[in-house]
Amino acid sequence: LLLNARSLNPAGDNTWKIGLLRDTVSATSVPYLAIAVTETWFRPYTMDAAEKVDDYNLFRADRLSRIGGGCALFIHGSLAVTDQVVFSDKNNSLVAVFVKQINTIYAAAYRSPTASSVGDFRRLLIDLQIFIDKFSADAVPDIFFFGDFNLPLFQWADGSSVVIDQPI
């Protein structure tokens, strides 16, 4: 499940959003193994307890330099996360976890729509690739990569893209 919350921060007027997420999760007959949330708007001082969803463990990457952005993963409590990576800069956030028992990586990313540097996003992708490579020696893990990538070079109306002279 992927949600773009546009703020789950309990400090604002959005306290109903975490309640809605909790209600959605409790209404399902089969639990989601992972829930990715983009634009969490969490701050470093936001306590995990304020964002608790029963039977899920929270992993997050807060956007440190300004309000907005950030991402989080809620991983079902039946799954043991054995490793994680977090990346955050002024425009991008990434949180990824590895669940050894099912040989799976779950990753959530956020890229600001105002990000102008391809290099910043490349750094996020490199960090993710290094994380994936740690577990690929024995058996390539399943990878679920969720995100709000805000791709300004993609023309949604006709499916074309603007060509740039540097690879991501």
N, C-alpha and C. Protein backbone atom coordinates (compact mmCIF):
# COMPACT_ATOMS: atom_id res chain seq x y z
N LEU A 1 0.85 -1.18 0.00
CA LEU A 1 0.00 0.00 0.00
C LEU A 1 0.89 1.24 0.00
N LEU A 2 0.63 2.18 -0.87
CA LEU A 2 1.36 3.45 -0.94
C LEU A 2 0.37 4.59 -0.73
N LEU A 3 0.72 5.49 0.18
CA LEU A 3 -0.10 6.65 0.45
C LEU A 3 0.75 7.91 0.37
N ASN A 4 0.23 8.94 -0.27
CA ASN A 4 0.86 10.26 -0.20
C ASN A 4 0.03 11.05 0.80
N ALA A 5 0.58 11.26 2.00
CA ALA A 5 -0.20 11.80 3.11
C ALA A 5 -0.32 13.32 3.09
N ARG A 6 0.66 13.98 2.52
CA ARG A 6 0.72 15.44 2.62
C ARG A 6 0.52 15.88 4.07
N SER A 7 1.25 15.21 4.93
CA SER A 7 1.41 15.46 6.36
C SER A 7 0.65 14.48 7.24
N LEU A 8 1.43 13.70 7.95
CA LEU A 8 0.93 12.91 9.07
C LEU A 8 1.39 13.53 10.38
N ASN A 9 2.04 14.68 10.29
CA ASN A 9 2.62 15.33 11.45
C ASN A 9 1.54 15.65 12.48
N PRO A 10 1.68 15.13 13.71
CA PRO A 10 0.66 15.36 14.74
C PRO A 10 0.63 16.80 15.24
N ALA A 11 1.61 17.61 14.88
CA ALA A 11 1.66 18.99 15.35
C ALA A 11 0.71 19.91 14.57
N GLY A 12 0.24 19.47 13.44
CA GLY A 12 -0.62 20.30 12.61
C GLY A 12 -2.09 19.95 12.76
N ASP A 13 -2.85 20.32 11.76
CA ASP A 13 -4.29 20.04 11.74
C ASP A 13 -4.60 18.71 11.07
N ASN A 14 -3.63 17.84 11.00
CA ASN A 14 -3.78 16.60 10.24
C ASN A 14 -3.85 15.36 11.11
N THR A 15 -4.24 15.52 12.38
CA THR A 15 -4.27 14.36 13.27
C THR A 15 -5.27 13.31 12.79
N TRP A 16 -6.27 13.71 12.03
CA TRP A 16 -7.26 12.76 11.52
C TRP A 16 -6.65 11.78 10.52
N LYS A 17 -5.56 12.17 9.86
CA LYS A 17 -4.98 11.32 8.82
C LYS A 17 -4.41 10.03 9.39
N ILE A 18 -3.71 10.10 10.52
CA ILE A 18 -3.17 8.87 11.11
C ILE A 18 -4.32 8.00 11.59
N GLY A 19 -5.39 8.61 12.07
CA GLY A 19 -6.58 7.85 12.46
C GLY A 19 -7.20 7.13 11.27
N LEU A 20 -7.27 7.80 10.15
CA LEU A 20 -7.79 7.18 8.93
C LEU A 20 -6.91 6.02 8.49
N LEU A 21 -5.60 6.19 8.58
CA LEU A 21 -4.68 5.10 8.25
C LEU A 21 -4.91 3.91 9.18
N ARG A 22 -5.03 4.18 10.48
CA ARG A 22 -5.28 3.11 11.45
C ARG A 22 -6.59 2.39 11.14
N ASP A 23 -7.64 3.15 10.83
CA ASP A 23 -8.94 2.55 10.50
C ASP A 23 -8.86 1.70 9.23
N THR A 24 -8.14 2.19 8.23
CA THR A 24 -7.98 1.45 6.98
C THR A 24 -7.28 0.12 7.23
N VAL A 25 -6.21 0.17 8.01
CA VAL A 25 -5.44 -1.04 8.31
C VAL A 25 -6.28 -2.04 9.12
N SER A 26 -7.01 -1.56 10.09
CA SER A 26 -7.79 -2.47 10.94
C SER A 26 -8.99 -3.05 10.20
N ALA A 27 -9.43 -2.41 9.12
CA ALA A 27 -10.59 -2.89 8.36
C ALA A 27 -10.23 -3.99 7.36
N THR A 28 -8.96 -4.24 7.14
CA THR A 28 -8.58 -5.25 6.17
C THR A 28 -8.57 -6.64 6.80
N SER A 29 -9.04 -7.62 6.08
CA SER A 29 -9.06 -8.98 6.61
C SER A 29 -7.68 -9.64 6.52
N VAL A 30 -6.90 -9.25 5.52
CA VAL A 30 -5.53 -9.75 5.37
C VAL A 30 -4.61 -8.55 5.55
N PRO A 31 -3.69 -8.62 6.51
CA PRO A 31 -2.87 -7.43 6.79
C PRO A 31 -1.91 -7.10 5.66
N TYR A 32 -1.68 -5.83 5.48
CA TYR A 32 -0.63 -5.39 4.57
C TYR A 32 0.71 -5.75 5.19
N LEU A 33 1.64 -6.28 4.40
CA LEU A 33 2.97 -6.55 4.93
C LEU A 33 3.76 -5.26 5.08
N ALA A 34 3.54 -4.33 4.17
CA ALA A 34 4.23 -3.04 4.22
C ALA A 34 3.30 -1.93 3.76
N ILE A 35 3.42 -0.80 4.42
CA ILE A 35 2.69 0.40 4.03
C ILE A 35 3.73 1.50 3.87
N ALA A 36 3.80 2.07 2.68
CA ALA A 36 4.73 3.17 2.42
C ALA A 36 3.94 4.47 2.43
N VAL A 37 4.51 5.47 3.06
CA VAL A 37 3.87 6.79 3.13
C VAL A 37 4.88 7.84 2.69
N THR A 38 4.48 8.65 1.72
CA THR A 38 5.32 9.77 1.30
C THR A 38 4.72 11.07 1.80
N GLU A 39 5.53 12.10 1.81
CA GLU A 39 5.15 13.41 2.35
C GLU A 39 4.60 13.27 3.76
N THR A 40 5.38 12.63 4.62
CA THR A 40 4.97 12.48 6.02
C THR A 40 5.03 13.80 6.78
N TRP A 41 5.95 14.66 6.40
CA TRP A 41 6.19 15.95 7.05
C TRP A 41 6.66 15.78 8.49
N PHE A 42 7.17 14.60 8.84
CA PHE A 42 7.69 14.40 10.19
C PHE A 42 8.92 15.28 10.39
N ARG A 43 9.12 15.69 11.61
CA ARG A 43 10.31 16.42 12.03
C ARG A 43 11.10 15.49 12.94
N PRO A 44 12.39 15.74 13.12
CA PRO A 44 13.18 14.85 13.98
C PRO A 44 12.60 14.67 15.38
N TYR A 45 11.89 15.65 15.87
CA TYR A 45 11.30 15.58 17.21
C TYR A 45 9.93 14.91 17.23
N THR A 46 9.38 14.54 16.08
CA THR A 46 8.10 13.82 16.03
C THR A 46 8.31 12.44 16.63
N MET A 47 7.58 12.14 17.66
CA MET A 47 7.73 10.86 18.36
C MET A 47 7.02 9.75 17.59
N ASP A 48 7.69 8.61 17.46
CA ASP A 48 7.09 7.45 16.78
C ASP A 48 5.77 7.05 17.42
N ALA A 49 5.67 7.21 18.74
CA ALA A 49 4.45 6.81 19.45
C ALA A 49 3.22 7.57 18.95
N ALA A 50 3.41 8.82 18.52
CA ALA A 50 2.29 9.62 18.02
C ALA A 50 1.78 9.10 16.69
N GLU A 51 2.61 8.34 16.00
CA GLU A 51 2.26 7.83 14.67
C GLU A 51 2.07 6.31 14.68
N LYS A 52 1.88 5.74 15.85
CA LYS A 52 1.79 4.28 15.99
C LYS A 52 0.56 3.73 15.27
N VAL A 53 0.79 2.65 14.56
CA VAL A 53 -0.29 1.87 13.96
C VAL A 53 -0.15 0.47 14.55
N ASP A 54 -1.19 -0.01 15.21
CA ASP A 54 -1.13 -1.31 15.87
C ASP A 54 -0.63 -2.40 14.94
N ASP A 55 0.25 -3.25 15.47
CA ASP A 55 0.82 -4.40 14.76
C ASP A 55 1.84 -4.02 13.68
N TYR A 56 2.28 -2.76 13.64
CA TYR A 56 3.25 -2.32 12.65
C TYR A 56 4.42 -1.61 13.34
N ASN A 57 5.60 -1.78 12.76
CA ASN A 57 6.79 -1.06 13.21
C ASN A 57 7.07 0.05 12.20
N LEU A 58 7.42 1.21 12.72
CA LEU A 58 7.63 2.39 11.89
C LEU A 58 9.11 2.63 11.63
N PHE A 59 9.45 2.85 10.36
CA PHE A 59 10.79 3.21 9.92
C PHE A 59 10.62 4.47 9.08
N ARG A 60 11.45 5.48 9.31
CA ARG A 60 11.19 6.75 8.63
C ARG A 60 12.46 7.49 8.24
N ALA A 61 12.30 8.34 7.24
CA ALA A 61 13.35 9.26 6.79
C ALA A 61 12.73 10.64 6.76
N ASP A 62 13.09 11.46 7.72
CA ASP A 62 12.53 12.80 7.82
C ASP A 62 13.32 13.77 6.95
N ARG A 63 12.63 14.72 6.40
CA ARG A 63 13.30 15.79 5.65
C ARG A 63 13.79 16.81 6.68
N LEU A 64 15.07 16.99 6.75
CA LEU A 64 15.66 17.74 7.85
C LEU A 64 15.72 19.24 7.62
N SER A 65 15.85 19.68 6.40
CA SER A 65 16.17 21.07 6.15
C SER A 65 14.97 22.00 6.00
N ARG A 66 13.80 21.45 5.76
CA ARG A 66 12.62 22.30 5.61
C ARG A 66 11.34 21.50 5.82
N ILE A 67 10.24 22.19 5.92
CA ILE A 67 8.95 21.55 6.15
C ILE A 67 8.51 20.82 4.89
N GLY A 68 7.84 19.70 5.09
CA GLY A 68 7.32 18.91 3.98
C GLY A 68 8.22 17.72 3.71
N GLY A 69 7.82 16.94 2.73
CA GLY A 69 8.62 15.80 2.30
C GLY A 69 8.69 14.70 3.34
N GLY A 70 9.72 13.89 3.21
CA GLY A 70 9.91 12.75 4.10
C GLY A 70 9.12 11.54 3.64
N CYS A 71 9.50 10.39 4.18
CA CYS A 71 8.78 9.16 3.86
C CYS A 71 8.92 8.18 5.02
N ALA A 72 8.07 7.18 5.00
CA ALA A 72 8.06 6.20 6.09
C ALA A 72 7.58 4.86 5.56
N LEU A 73 7.98 3.83 6.28
CA LEU A 73 7.49 2.47 6.05
C LEU A 73 6.90 1.95 7.35
N PHE A 74 5.71 1.43 7.27
CA PHE A 74 5.11 0.69 8.38
C PHE A 74 5.21 -0.78 7.98
N ILE A 75 6.01 -1.55 8.72
CA ILE A 75 6.23 -2.95 8.41
C ILE A 75 5.48 -3.80 9.42
N HIS A 76 4.71 -4.78 8.93
CA HIS A 76 3.90 -5.61 9.81
C HIS A 76 4.77 -6.28 10.87
N GLY A 77 4.27 -6.34 12.09
CA GLY A 77 5.02 -6.89 13.21
C GLY A 77 5.39 -8.35 13.09
N SER A 78 4.75 -9.09 12.19
CA SER A 78 5.11 -10.49 11.99
C SER A 78 6.42 -10.64 11.22
N LEU A 79 6.90 -9.53 10.65
CA LEU A 79 8.13 -9.54 9.87
C LEU A 79 9.26 -8.91 10.68
N ALA A 80 10.38 -9.60 10.74
CA ALA A 80 11.54 -9.09 11.48
C ALA A 80 12.46 -8.35 10.51
N VAL A 81 12.58 -7.05 10.69
CA VAL A 81 13.50 -6.26 9.88
C VAL A 81 14.91 -6.50 10.41
N THR A 82 15.80 -6.94 9.52
CA THR A 82 17.16 -7.27 9.94
C THR A 82 18.19 -6.20 9.57
N ASP A 83 17.82 -5.26 8.70
CA ASP A 83 18.73 -4.19 8.35
C ASP A 83 17.92 -3.06 7.74
N GLN A 84 18.48 -1.85 7.78
CA GLN A 84 17.80 -0.70 7.21
C GLN A 84 18.81 0.34 6.76
N VAL A 85 18.37 1.22 5.85
CA VAL A 85 19.16 2.36 5.43
C VAL A 85 18.22 3.56 5.37
N VAL A 86 18.76 4.72 5.76
CA VAL A 86 18.01 5.97 5.72
C VAL A 86 18.88 7.01 5.03
N PHE A 87 18.28 7.76 4.12
CA PHE A 87 18.97 8.84 3.41
C PHE A 87 18.06 10.05 3.40
N SER A 88 18.62 11.22 3.64
CA SER A 88 17.83 12.43 3.56
C SER A 88 18.74 13.61 3.25
N ASP A 89 18.32 14.43 2.31
CA ASP A 89 18.99 15.70 2.06
C ASP A 89 17.89 16.74 1.87
N LYS A 90 18.23 17.91 1.36
CA LYS A 90 17.22 18.97 1.29
C LYS A 90 16.07 18.67 0.33
N ASN A 91 16.27 17.74 -0.61
CA ASN A 91 15.24 17.47 -1.61
C ASN A 91 14.74 16.03 -1.65
N ASN A 92 15.44 15.11 -1.03
CA ASN A 92 15.12 13.69 -1.18
C ASN A 92 15.16 12.97 0.15
N SER A 93 14.35 11.94 0.24
CA SER A 93 14.35 11.07 1.43
C SER A 93 14.18 9.64 0.97
N LEU A 94 14.84 8.73 1.68
CA LEU A 94 14.73 7.30 1.40
C LEU A 94 14.80 6.54 2.71
N VAL A 95 13.92 5.58 2.87
CA VAL A 95 14.05 4.60 3.93
C VAL A 95 13.83 3.24 3.29
N ALA A 96 14.74 2.30 3.59
CA ALA A 96 14.63 0.95 3.04
C ALA A 96 14.95 -0.05 4.14
N VAL A 97 14.24 -1.17 4.12
CA VAL A 97 14.45 -2.22 5.12
C VAL A 97 14.58 -3.56 4.42
N PHE A 98 15.31 -4.47 5.06
CA PHE A 98 15.46 -5.83 4.56
C PHE A 98 14.80 -6.78 5.55
N VAL A 99 13.96 -7.68 5.03
CA VAL A 99 13.30 -8.70 5.83
C VAL A 99 13.84 -10.04 5.37
N LYS A 100 14.76 -10.57 6.16
CA LYS A 100 15.47 -11.79 5.77
C LYS A 100 14.54 -12.99 5.63
N GLN A 101 13.55 -13.13 6.51
CA GLN A 101 12.69 -14.31 6.51
C GLN A 101 11.92 -14.50 5.20
N ILE A 102 11.71 -13.42 4.46
CA ILE A 102 11.05 -13.53 3.15
C ILE A 102 11.94 -12.98 2.04
N ASN A 103 13.21 -12.71 2.36
CA ASN A 103 14.20 -12.22 1.40
C ASN A 103 13.63 -11.07 0.56
N THR A 104 13.20 -10.02 1.27
CA THR A 104 12.52 -8.91 0.61
C THR A 104 13.04 -7.57 1.13
N ILE A 105 13.19 -6.64 0.21
CA ILE A 105 13.51 -5.26 0.54
C ILE A 105 12.28 -4.41 0.23
N TYR A 106 11.90 -3.61 1.21
CA TYR A 106 10.86 -2.60 1.02
C TYR A 106 11.55 -1.25 1.10
N ALA A 107 11.26 -0.37 0.15
CA ALA A 107 11.88 0.95 0.14
C ALA A 107 10.82 2.00 -0.20
N ALA A 108 10.93 3.15 0.45
CA ALA A 108 10.06 4.29 0.17
C ALA A 108 10.95 5.50 -0.07
N ALA A 109 10.60 6.28 -1.09
CA ALA A 109 11.40 7.46 -1.42
C ALA A 109 10.49 8.65 -1.71
N TYR A 110 11.04 9.82 -1.45
CA TYR A 110 10.36 11.07 -1.79
C TYR A 110 11.37 11.98 -2.47
N ARG A 111 10.96 12.58 -3.59
CA ARG A 111 11.77 13.57 -4.30
C ARG A 111 10.93 14.82 -4.43
N SER A 112 11.45 15.94 -3.96
CA SER A 112 10.74 17.21 -3.99
C SER A 112 10.46 17.64 -5.43
N PRO A 113 9.29 18.23 -5.69
CA PRO A 113 9.02 18.73 -7.04
C PRO A 113 9.90 19.92 -7.41
N THR A 114 10.50 20.56 -6.42
CA THR A 114 11.37 21.70 -6.69
C THR A 114 12.84 21.30 -6.83
N ALA A 115 13.14 20.02 -6.71
CA ALA A 115 14.52 19.56 -6.84
C ALA A 115 15.01 19.81 -8.25
N SER A 116 16.14 20.45 -8.36
CA SER A 116 16.66 20.74 -9.70
C SER A 116 17.87 19.88 -10.04
N SER A 117 18.47 19.28 -9.04
CA SER A 117 19.69 18.52 -9.27
C SER A 117 19.41 17.04 -9.47
N VAL A 118 19.83 16.53 -10.60
CA VAL A 118 19.75 15.10 -10.85
C VAL A 118 20.71 14.37 -9.92
N GLY A 119 21.82 15.02 -9.60
CA GLY A 119 22.85 14.41 -8.75
C GLY A 119 22.35 14.03 -7.38
N ASP A 120 21.48 14.85 -6.78
CA ASP A 120 20.94 14.52 -5.46
C ASP A 120 20.15 13.22 -5.51
N PHE A 121 19.30 13.09 -6.52
CA PHE A 121 18.50 11.88 -6.62
C PHE A 121 19.38 10.68 -6.97
N ARG A 122 20.41 10.92 -7.76
CA ARG A 122 21.36 9.85 -8.08
C ARG A 122 21.99 9.32 -6.79
N ARG A 123 22.33 10.22 -5.87
CA ARG A 123 22.93 9.79 -4.60
C ARG A 123 21.98 8.88 -3.81
N LEU A 124 20.71 9.23 -3.81
CA LEU A 124 19.70 8.39 -3.16
C LEU A 124 19.68 7.01 -3.81
N LEU A 125 19.66 6.97 -5.13
CA LEU A 125 19.62 5.69 -5.85
C LEU A 125 20.89 4.87 -5.62
N ILE A 126 22.03 5.54 -5.52
CA ILE A 126 23.28 4.83 -5.23
C ILE A 126 23.23 4.21 -3.84
N ASP A 127 22.74 4.97 -2.86
CA ASP A 127 22.60 4.42 -1.50
C ASP A 127 21.68 3.21 -1.49
N LEU A 128 20.58 3.29 -2.25
CA LEU A 128 19.67 2.15 -2.34
C LEU A 128 20.35 0.96 -3.02
N GLN A 129 21.10 1.21 -4.08
CA GLN A 129 21.79 0.11 -4.78
C GLN A 129 22.82 -0.56 -3.87
N ILE A 130 23.56 0.21 -3.11
CA ILE A 130 24.53 -0.36 -2.15
C ILE A 130 23.81 -1.23 -1.14
N PHE A 131 22.66 -0.77 -0.67
CA PHE A 131 21.86 -1.54 0.28
C PHE A 131 21.40 -2.86 -0.36
N ILE A 132 20.89 -2.80 -1.58
CA ILE A 132 20.44 -4.00 -2.28
C ILE A 132 21.59 -4.97 -2.49
N ASP A 133 22.74 -4.45 -2.87
CA ASP A 133 23.91 -5.30 -3.14
C ASP A 133 24.35 -6.10 -1.92
N LYS A 134 24.11 -5.57 -0.73
CA LYS A 134 24.48 -6.29 0.51
C LYS A 134 23.79 -7.64 0.60
N PHE A 135 22.63 -7.76 0.00
CA PHE A 135 21.81 -8.96 0.17
C PHE A 135 21.70 -9.79 -1.10
N SER A 136 22.30 -9.35 -2.17
CA SER A 136 22.14 -10.01 -3.46
C SER A 136 23.15 -11.12 -3.72
N ALA A 137 24.13 -11.30 -2.86
CA ALA A 137 25.16 -12.30 -3.09
C ALA A 137 24.59 -13.72 -3.07
N ASP A 138 23.73 -14.01 -2.11
CA ASP A 138 23.16 -15.35 -1.98
C ASP A 138 21.98 -15.58 -2.92
N ALA A 139 20.99 -14.76 -2.76
CA ALA A 139 19.78 -14.85 -3.60
C ALA A 139 19.24 -13.44 -3.76
N VAL A 140 18.98 -13.05 -4.97
CA VAL A 140 18.49 -11.70 -5.22
C VAL A 140 17.15 -11.52 -4.51
N PRO A 141 17.05 -10.50 -3.66
CA PRO A 141 15.79 -10.31 -2.93
C PRO A 141 14.69 -9.73 -3.82
N ASP A 142 13.45 -9.98 -3.41
CA ASP A 142 12.33 -9.27 -4.02
C ASP A 142 12.45 -7.83 -3.54
N ILE A 143 12.13 -6.89 -4.41
CA ILE A 143 12.26 -5.47 -4.06
C ILE A 143 10.95 -4.76 -4.39
N PHE A 144 10.42 -4.08 -3.39
CA PHE A 144 9.24 -3.23 -3.55
C PHE A 144 9.70 -1.80 -3.31
N PHE A 145 9.72 -0.99 -4.37
CA PHE A 145 10.22 0.38 -4.29
C PHE A 145 9.05 1.32 -4.53
N PHE A 146 8.57 1.93 -3.46
CA PHE A 146 7.43 2.84 -3.49
C PHE A 146 7.95 4.28 -3.48
N GLY A 147 7.20 5.20 -4.06
CA GLY A 147 7.66 6.57 -3.93
C GLY A 147 6.82 7.61 -4.62
N ASP A 148 7.14 8.82 -4.25
CA ASP A 148 6.62 10.03 -4.88
C ASP A 148 7.85 10.67 -5.50
N PHE A 149 8.07 10.41 -6.79
CA PHE A 149 9.31 10.78 -7.44
C PHE A 149 9.26 12.16 -8.09
N ASN A 150 8.08 12.75 -8.22
CA ASN A 150 7.97 14.10 -8.78
C ASN A 150 8.91 14.28 -9.97
N LEU A 151 8.58 13.63 -11.04
CA LEU A 151 9.44 13.62 -12.22
C LEU A 151 9.07 14.78 -13.15
N PRO A 152 9.75 15.92 -13.00
CA PRO A 152 9.36 17.10 -13.79
C PRO A 152 9.70 16.99 -15.27
N LEU A 153 10.57 16.07 -15.64
CA LEU A 153 10.95 15.93 -17.04
C LEU A 153 10.01 15.01 -17.80
N PHE A 154 9.07 14.40 -17.09
CA PHE A 154 8.12 13.50 -17.72
C PHE A 154 6.86 14.28 -18.06
N GLN A 155 6.43 14.18 -19.28
CA GLN A 155 5.21 14.86 -19.73
C GLN A 155 4.03 13.89 -19.59
N TRP A 156 3.26 14.05 -18.53
CA TRP A 156 2.21 13.09 -18.21
C TRP A 156 1.12 13.03 -19.28
N ALA A 157 0.85 14.13 -19.94
CA ALA A 157 -0.25 14.16 -20.92
C ALA A 157 -0.02 13.22 -22.09
N ASP A 158 1.22 13.15 -22.59
CA ASP A 158 1.46 12.31 -23.76
C ASP A 158 2.47 11.19 -23.53
N GLY A 159 2.99 11.06 -22.31
CA GLY A 159 3.91 9.97 -22.00
C GLY A 159 5.33 10.16 -22.47
N SER A 160 5.64 11.34 -22.99
CA SER A 160 7.01 11.58 -23.44
C SER A 160 7.85 12.15 -22.30
N SER A 161 9.13 12.29 -22.54
CA SER A 161 9.99 12.89 -21.54
C SER A 161 10.99 13.82 -22.21
N VAL A 162 11.45 14.77 -21.43
CA VAL A 162 12.48 15.69 -21.90
C VAL A 162 13.83 14.98 -21.78
N VAL A 163 14.61 15.01 -22.81
CA VAL A 163 15.90 14.34 -22.79
C VAL A 163 16.91 15.27 -22.10
N ILE A 164 17.64 14.69 -21.17
CA ILE A 164 18.72 15.43 -20.52
C ILE A 164 20.04 14.75 -20.87
N ASP A 165 21.11 15.48 -20.77
CA ASP A 165 22.38 14.92 -21.20
C ASP A 165 23.17 14.29 -20.06
N GLN A 166 22.53 14.00 -18.94
CA GLN A 166 23.21 13.30 -17.87
C GLN A 166 22.31 12.19 -17.35
N PRO A 167 22.85 10.99 -17.20
CA PRO A 167 22.03 9.87 -16.72
C PRO A 167 21.71 10.01 -15.25
N ILE A 168 20.60 9.47 -14.88
CA ILE A 168 20.26 9.44 -13.46
C ILE A 168 20.96 8.25 -12.87
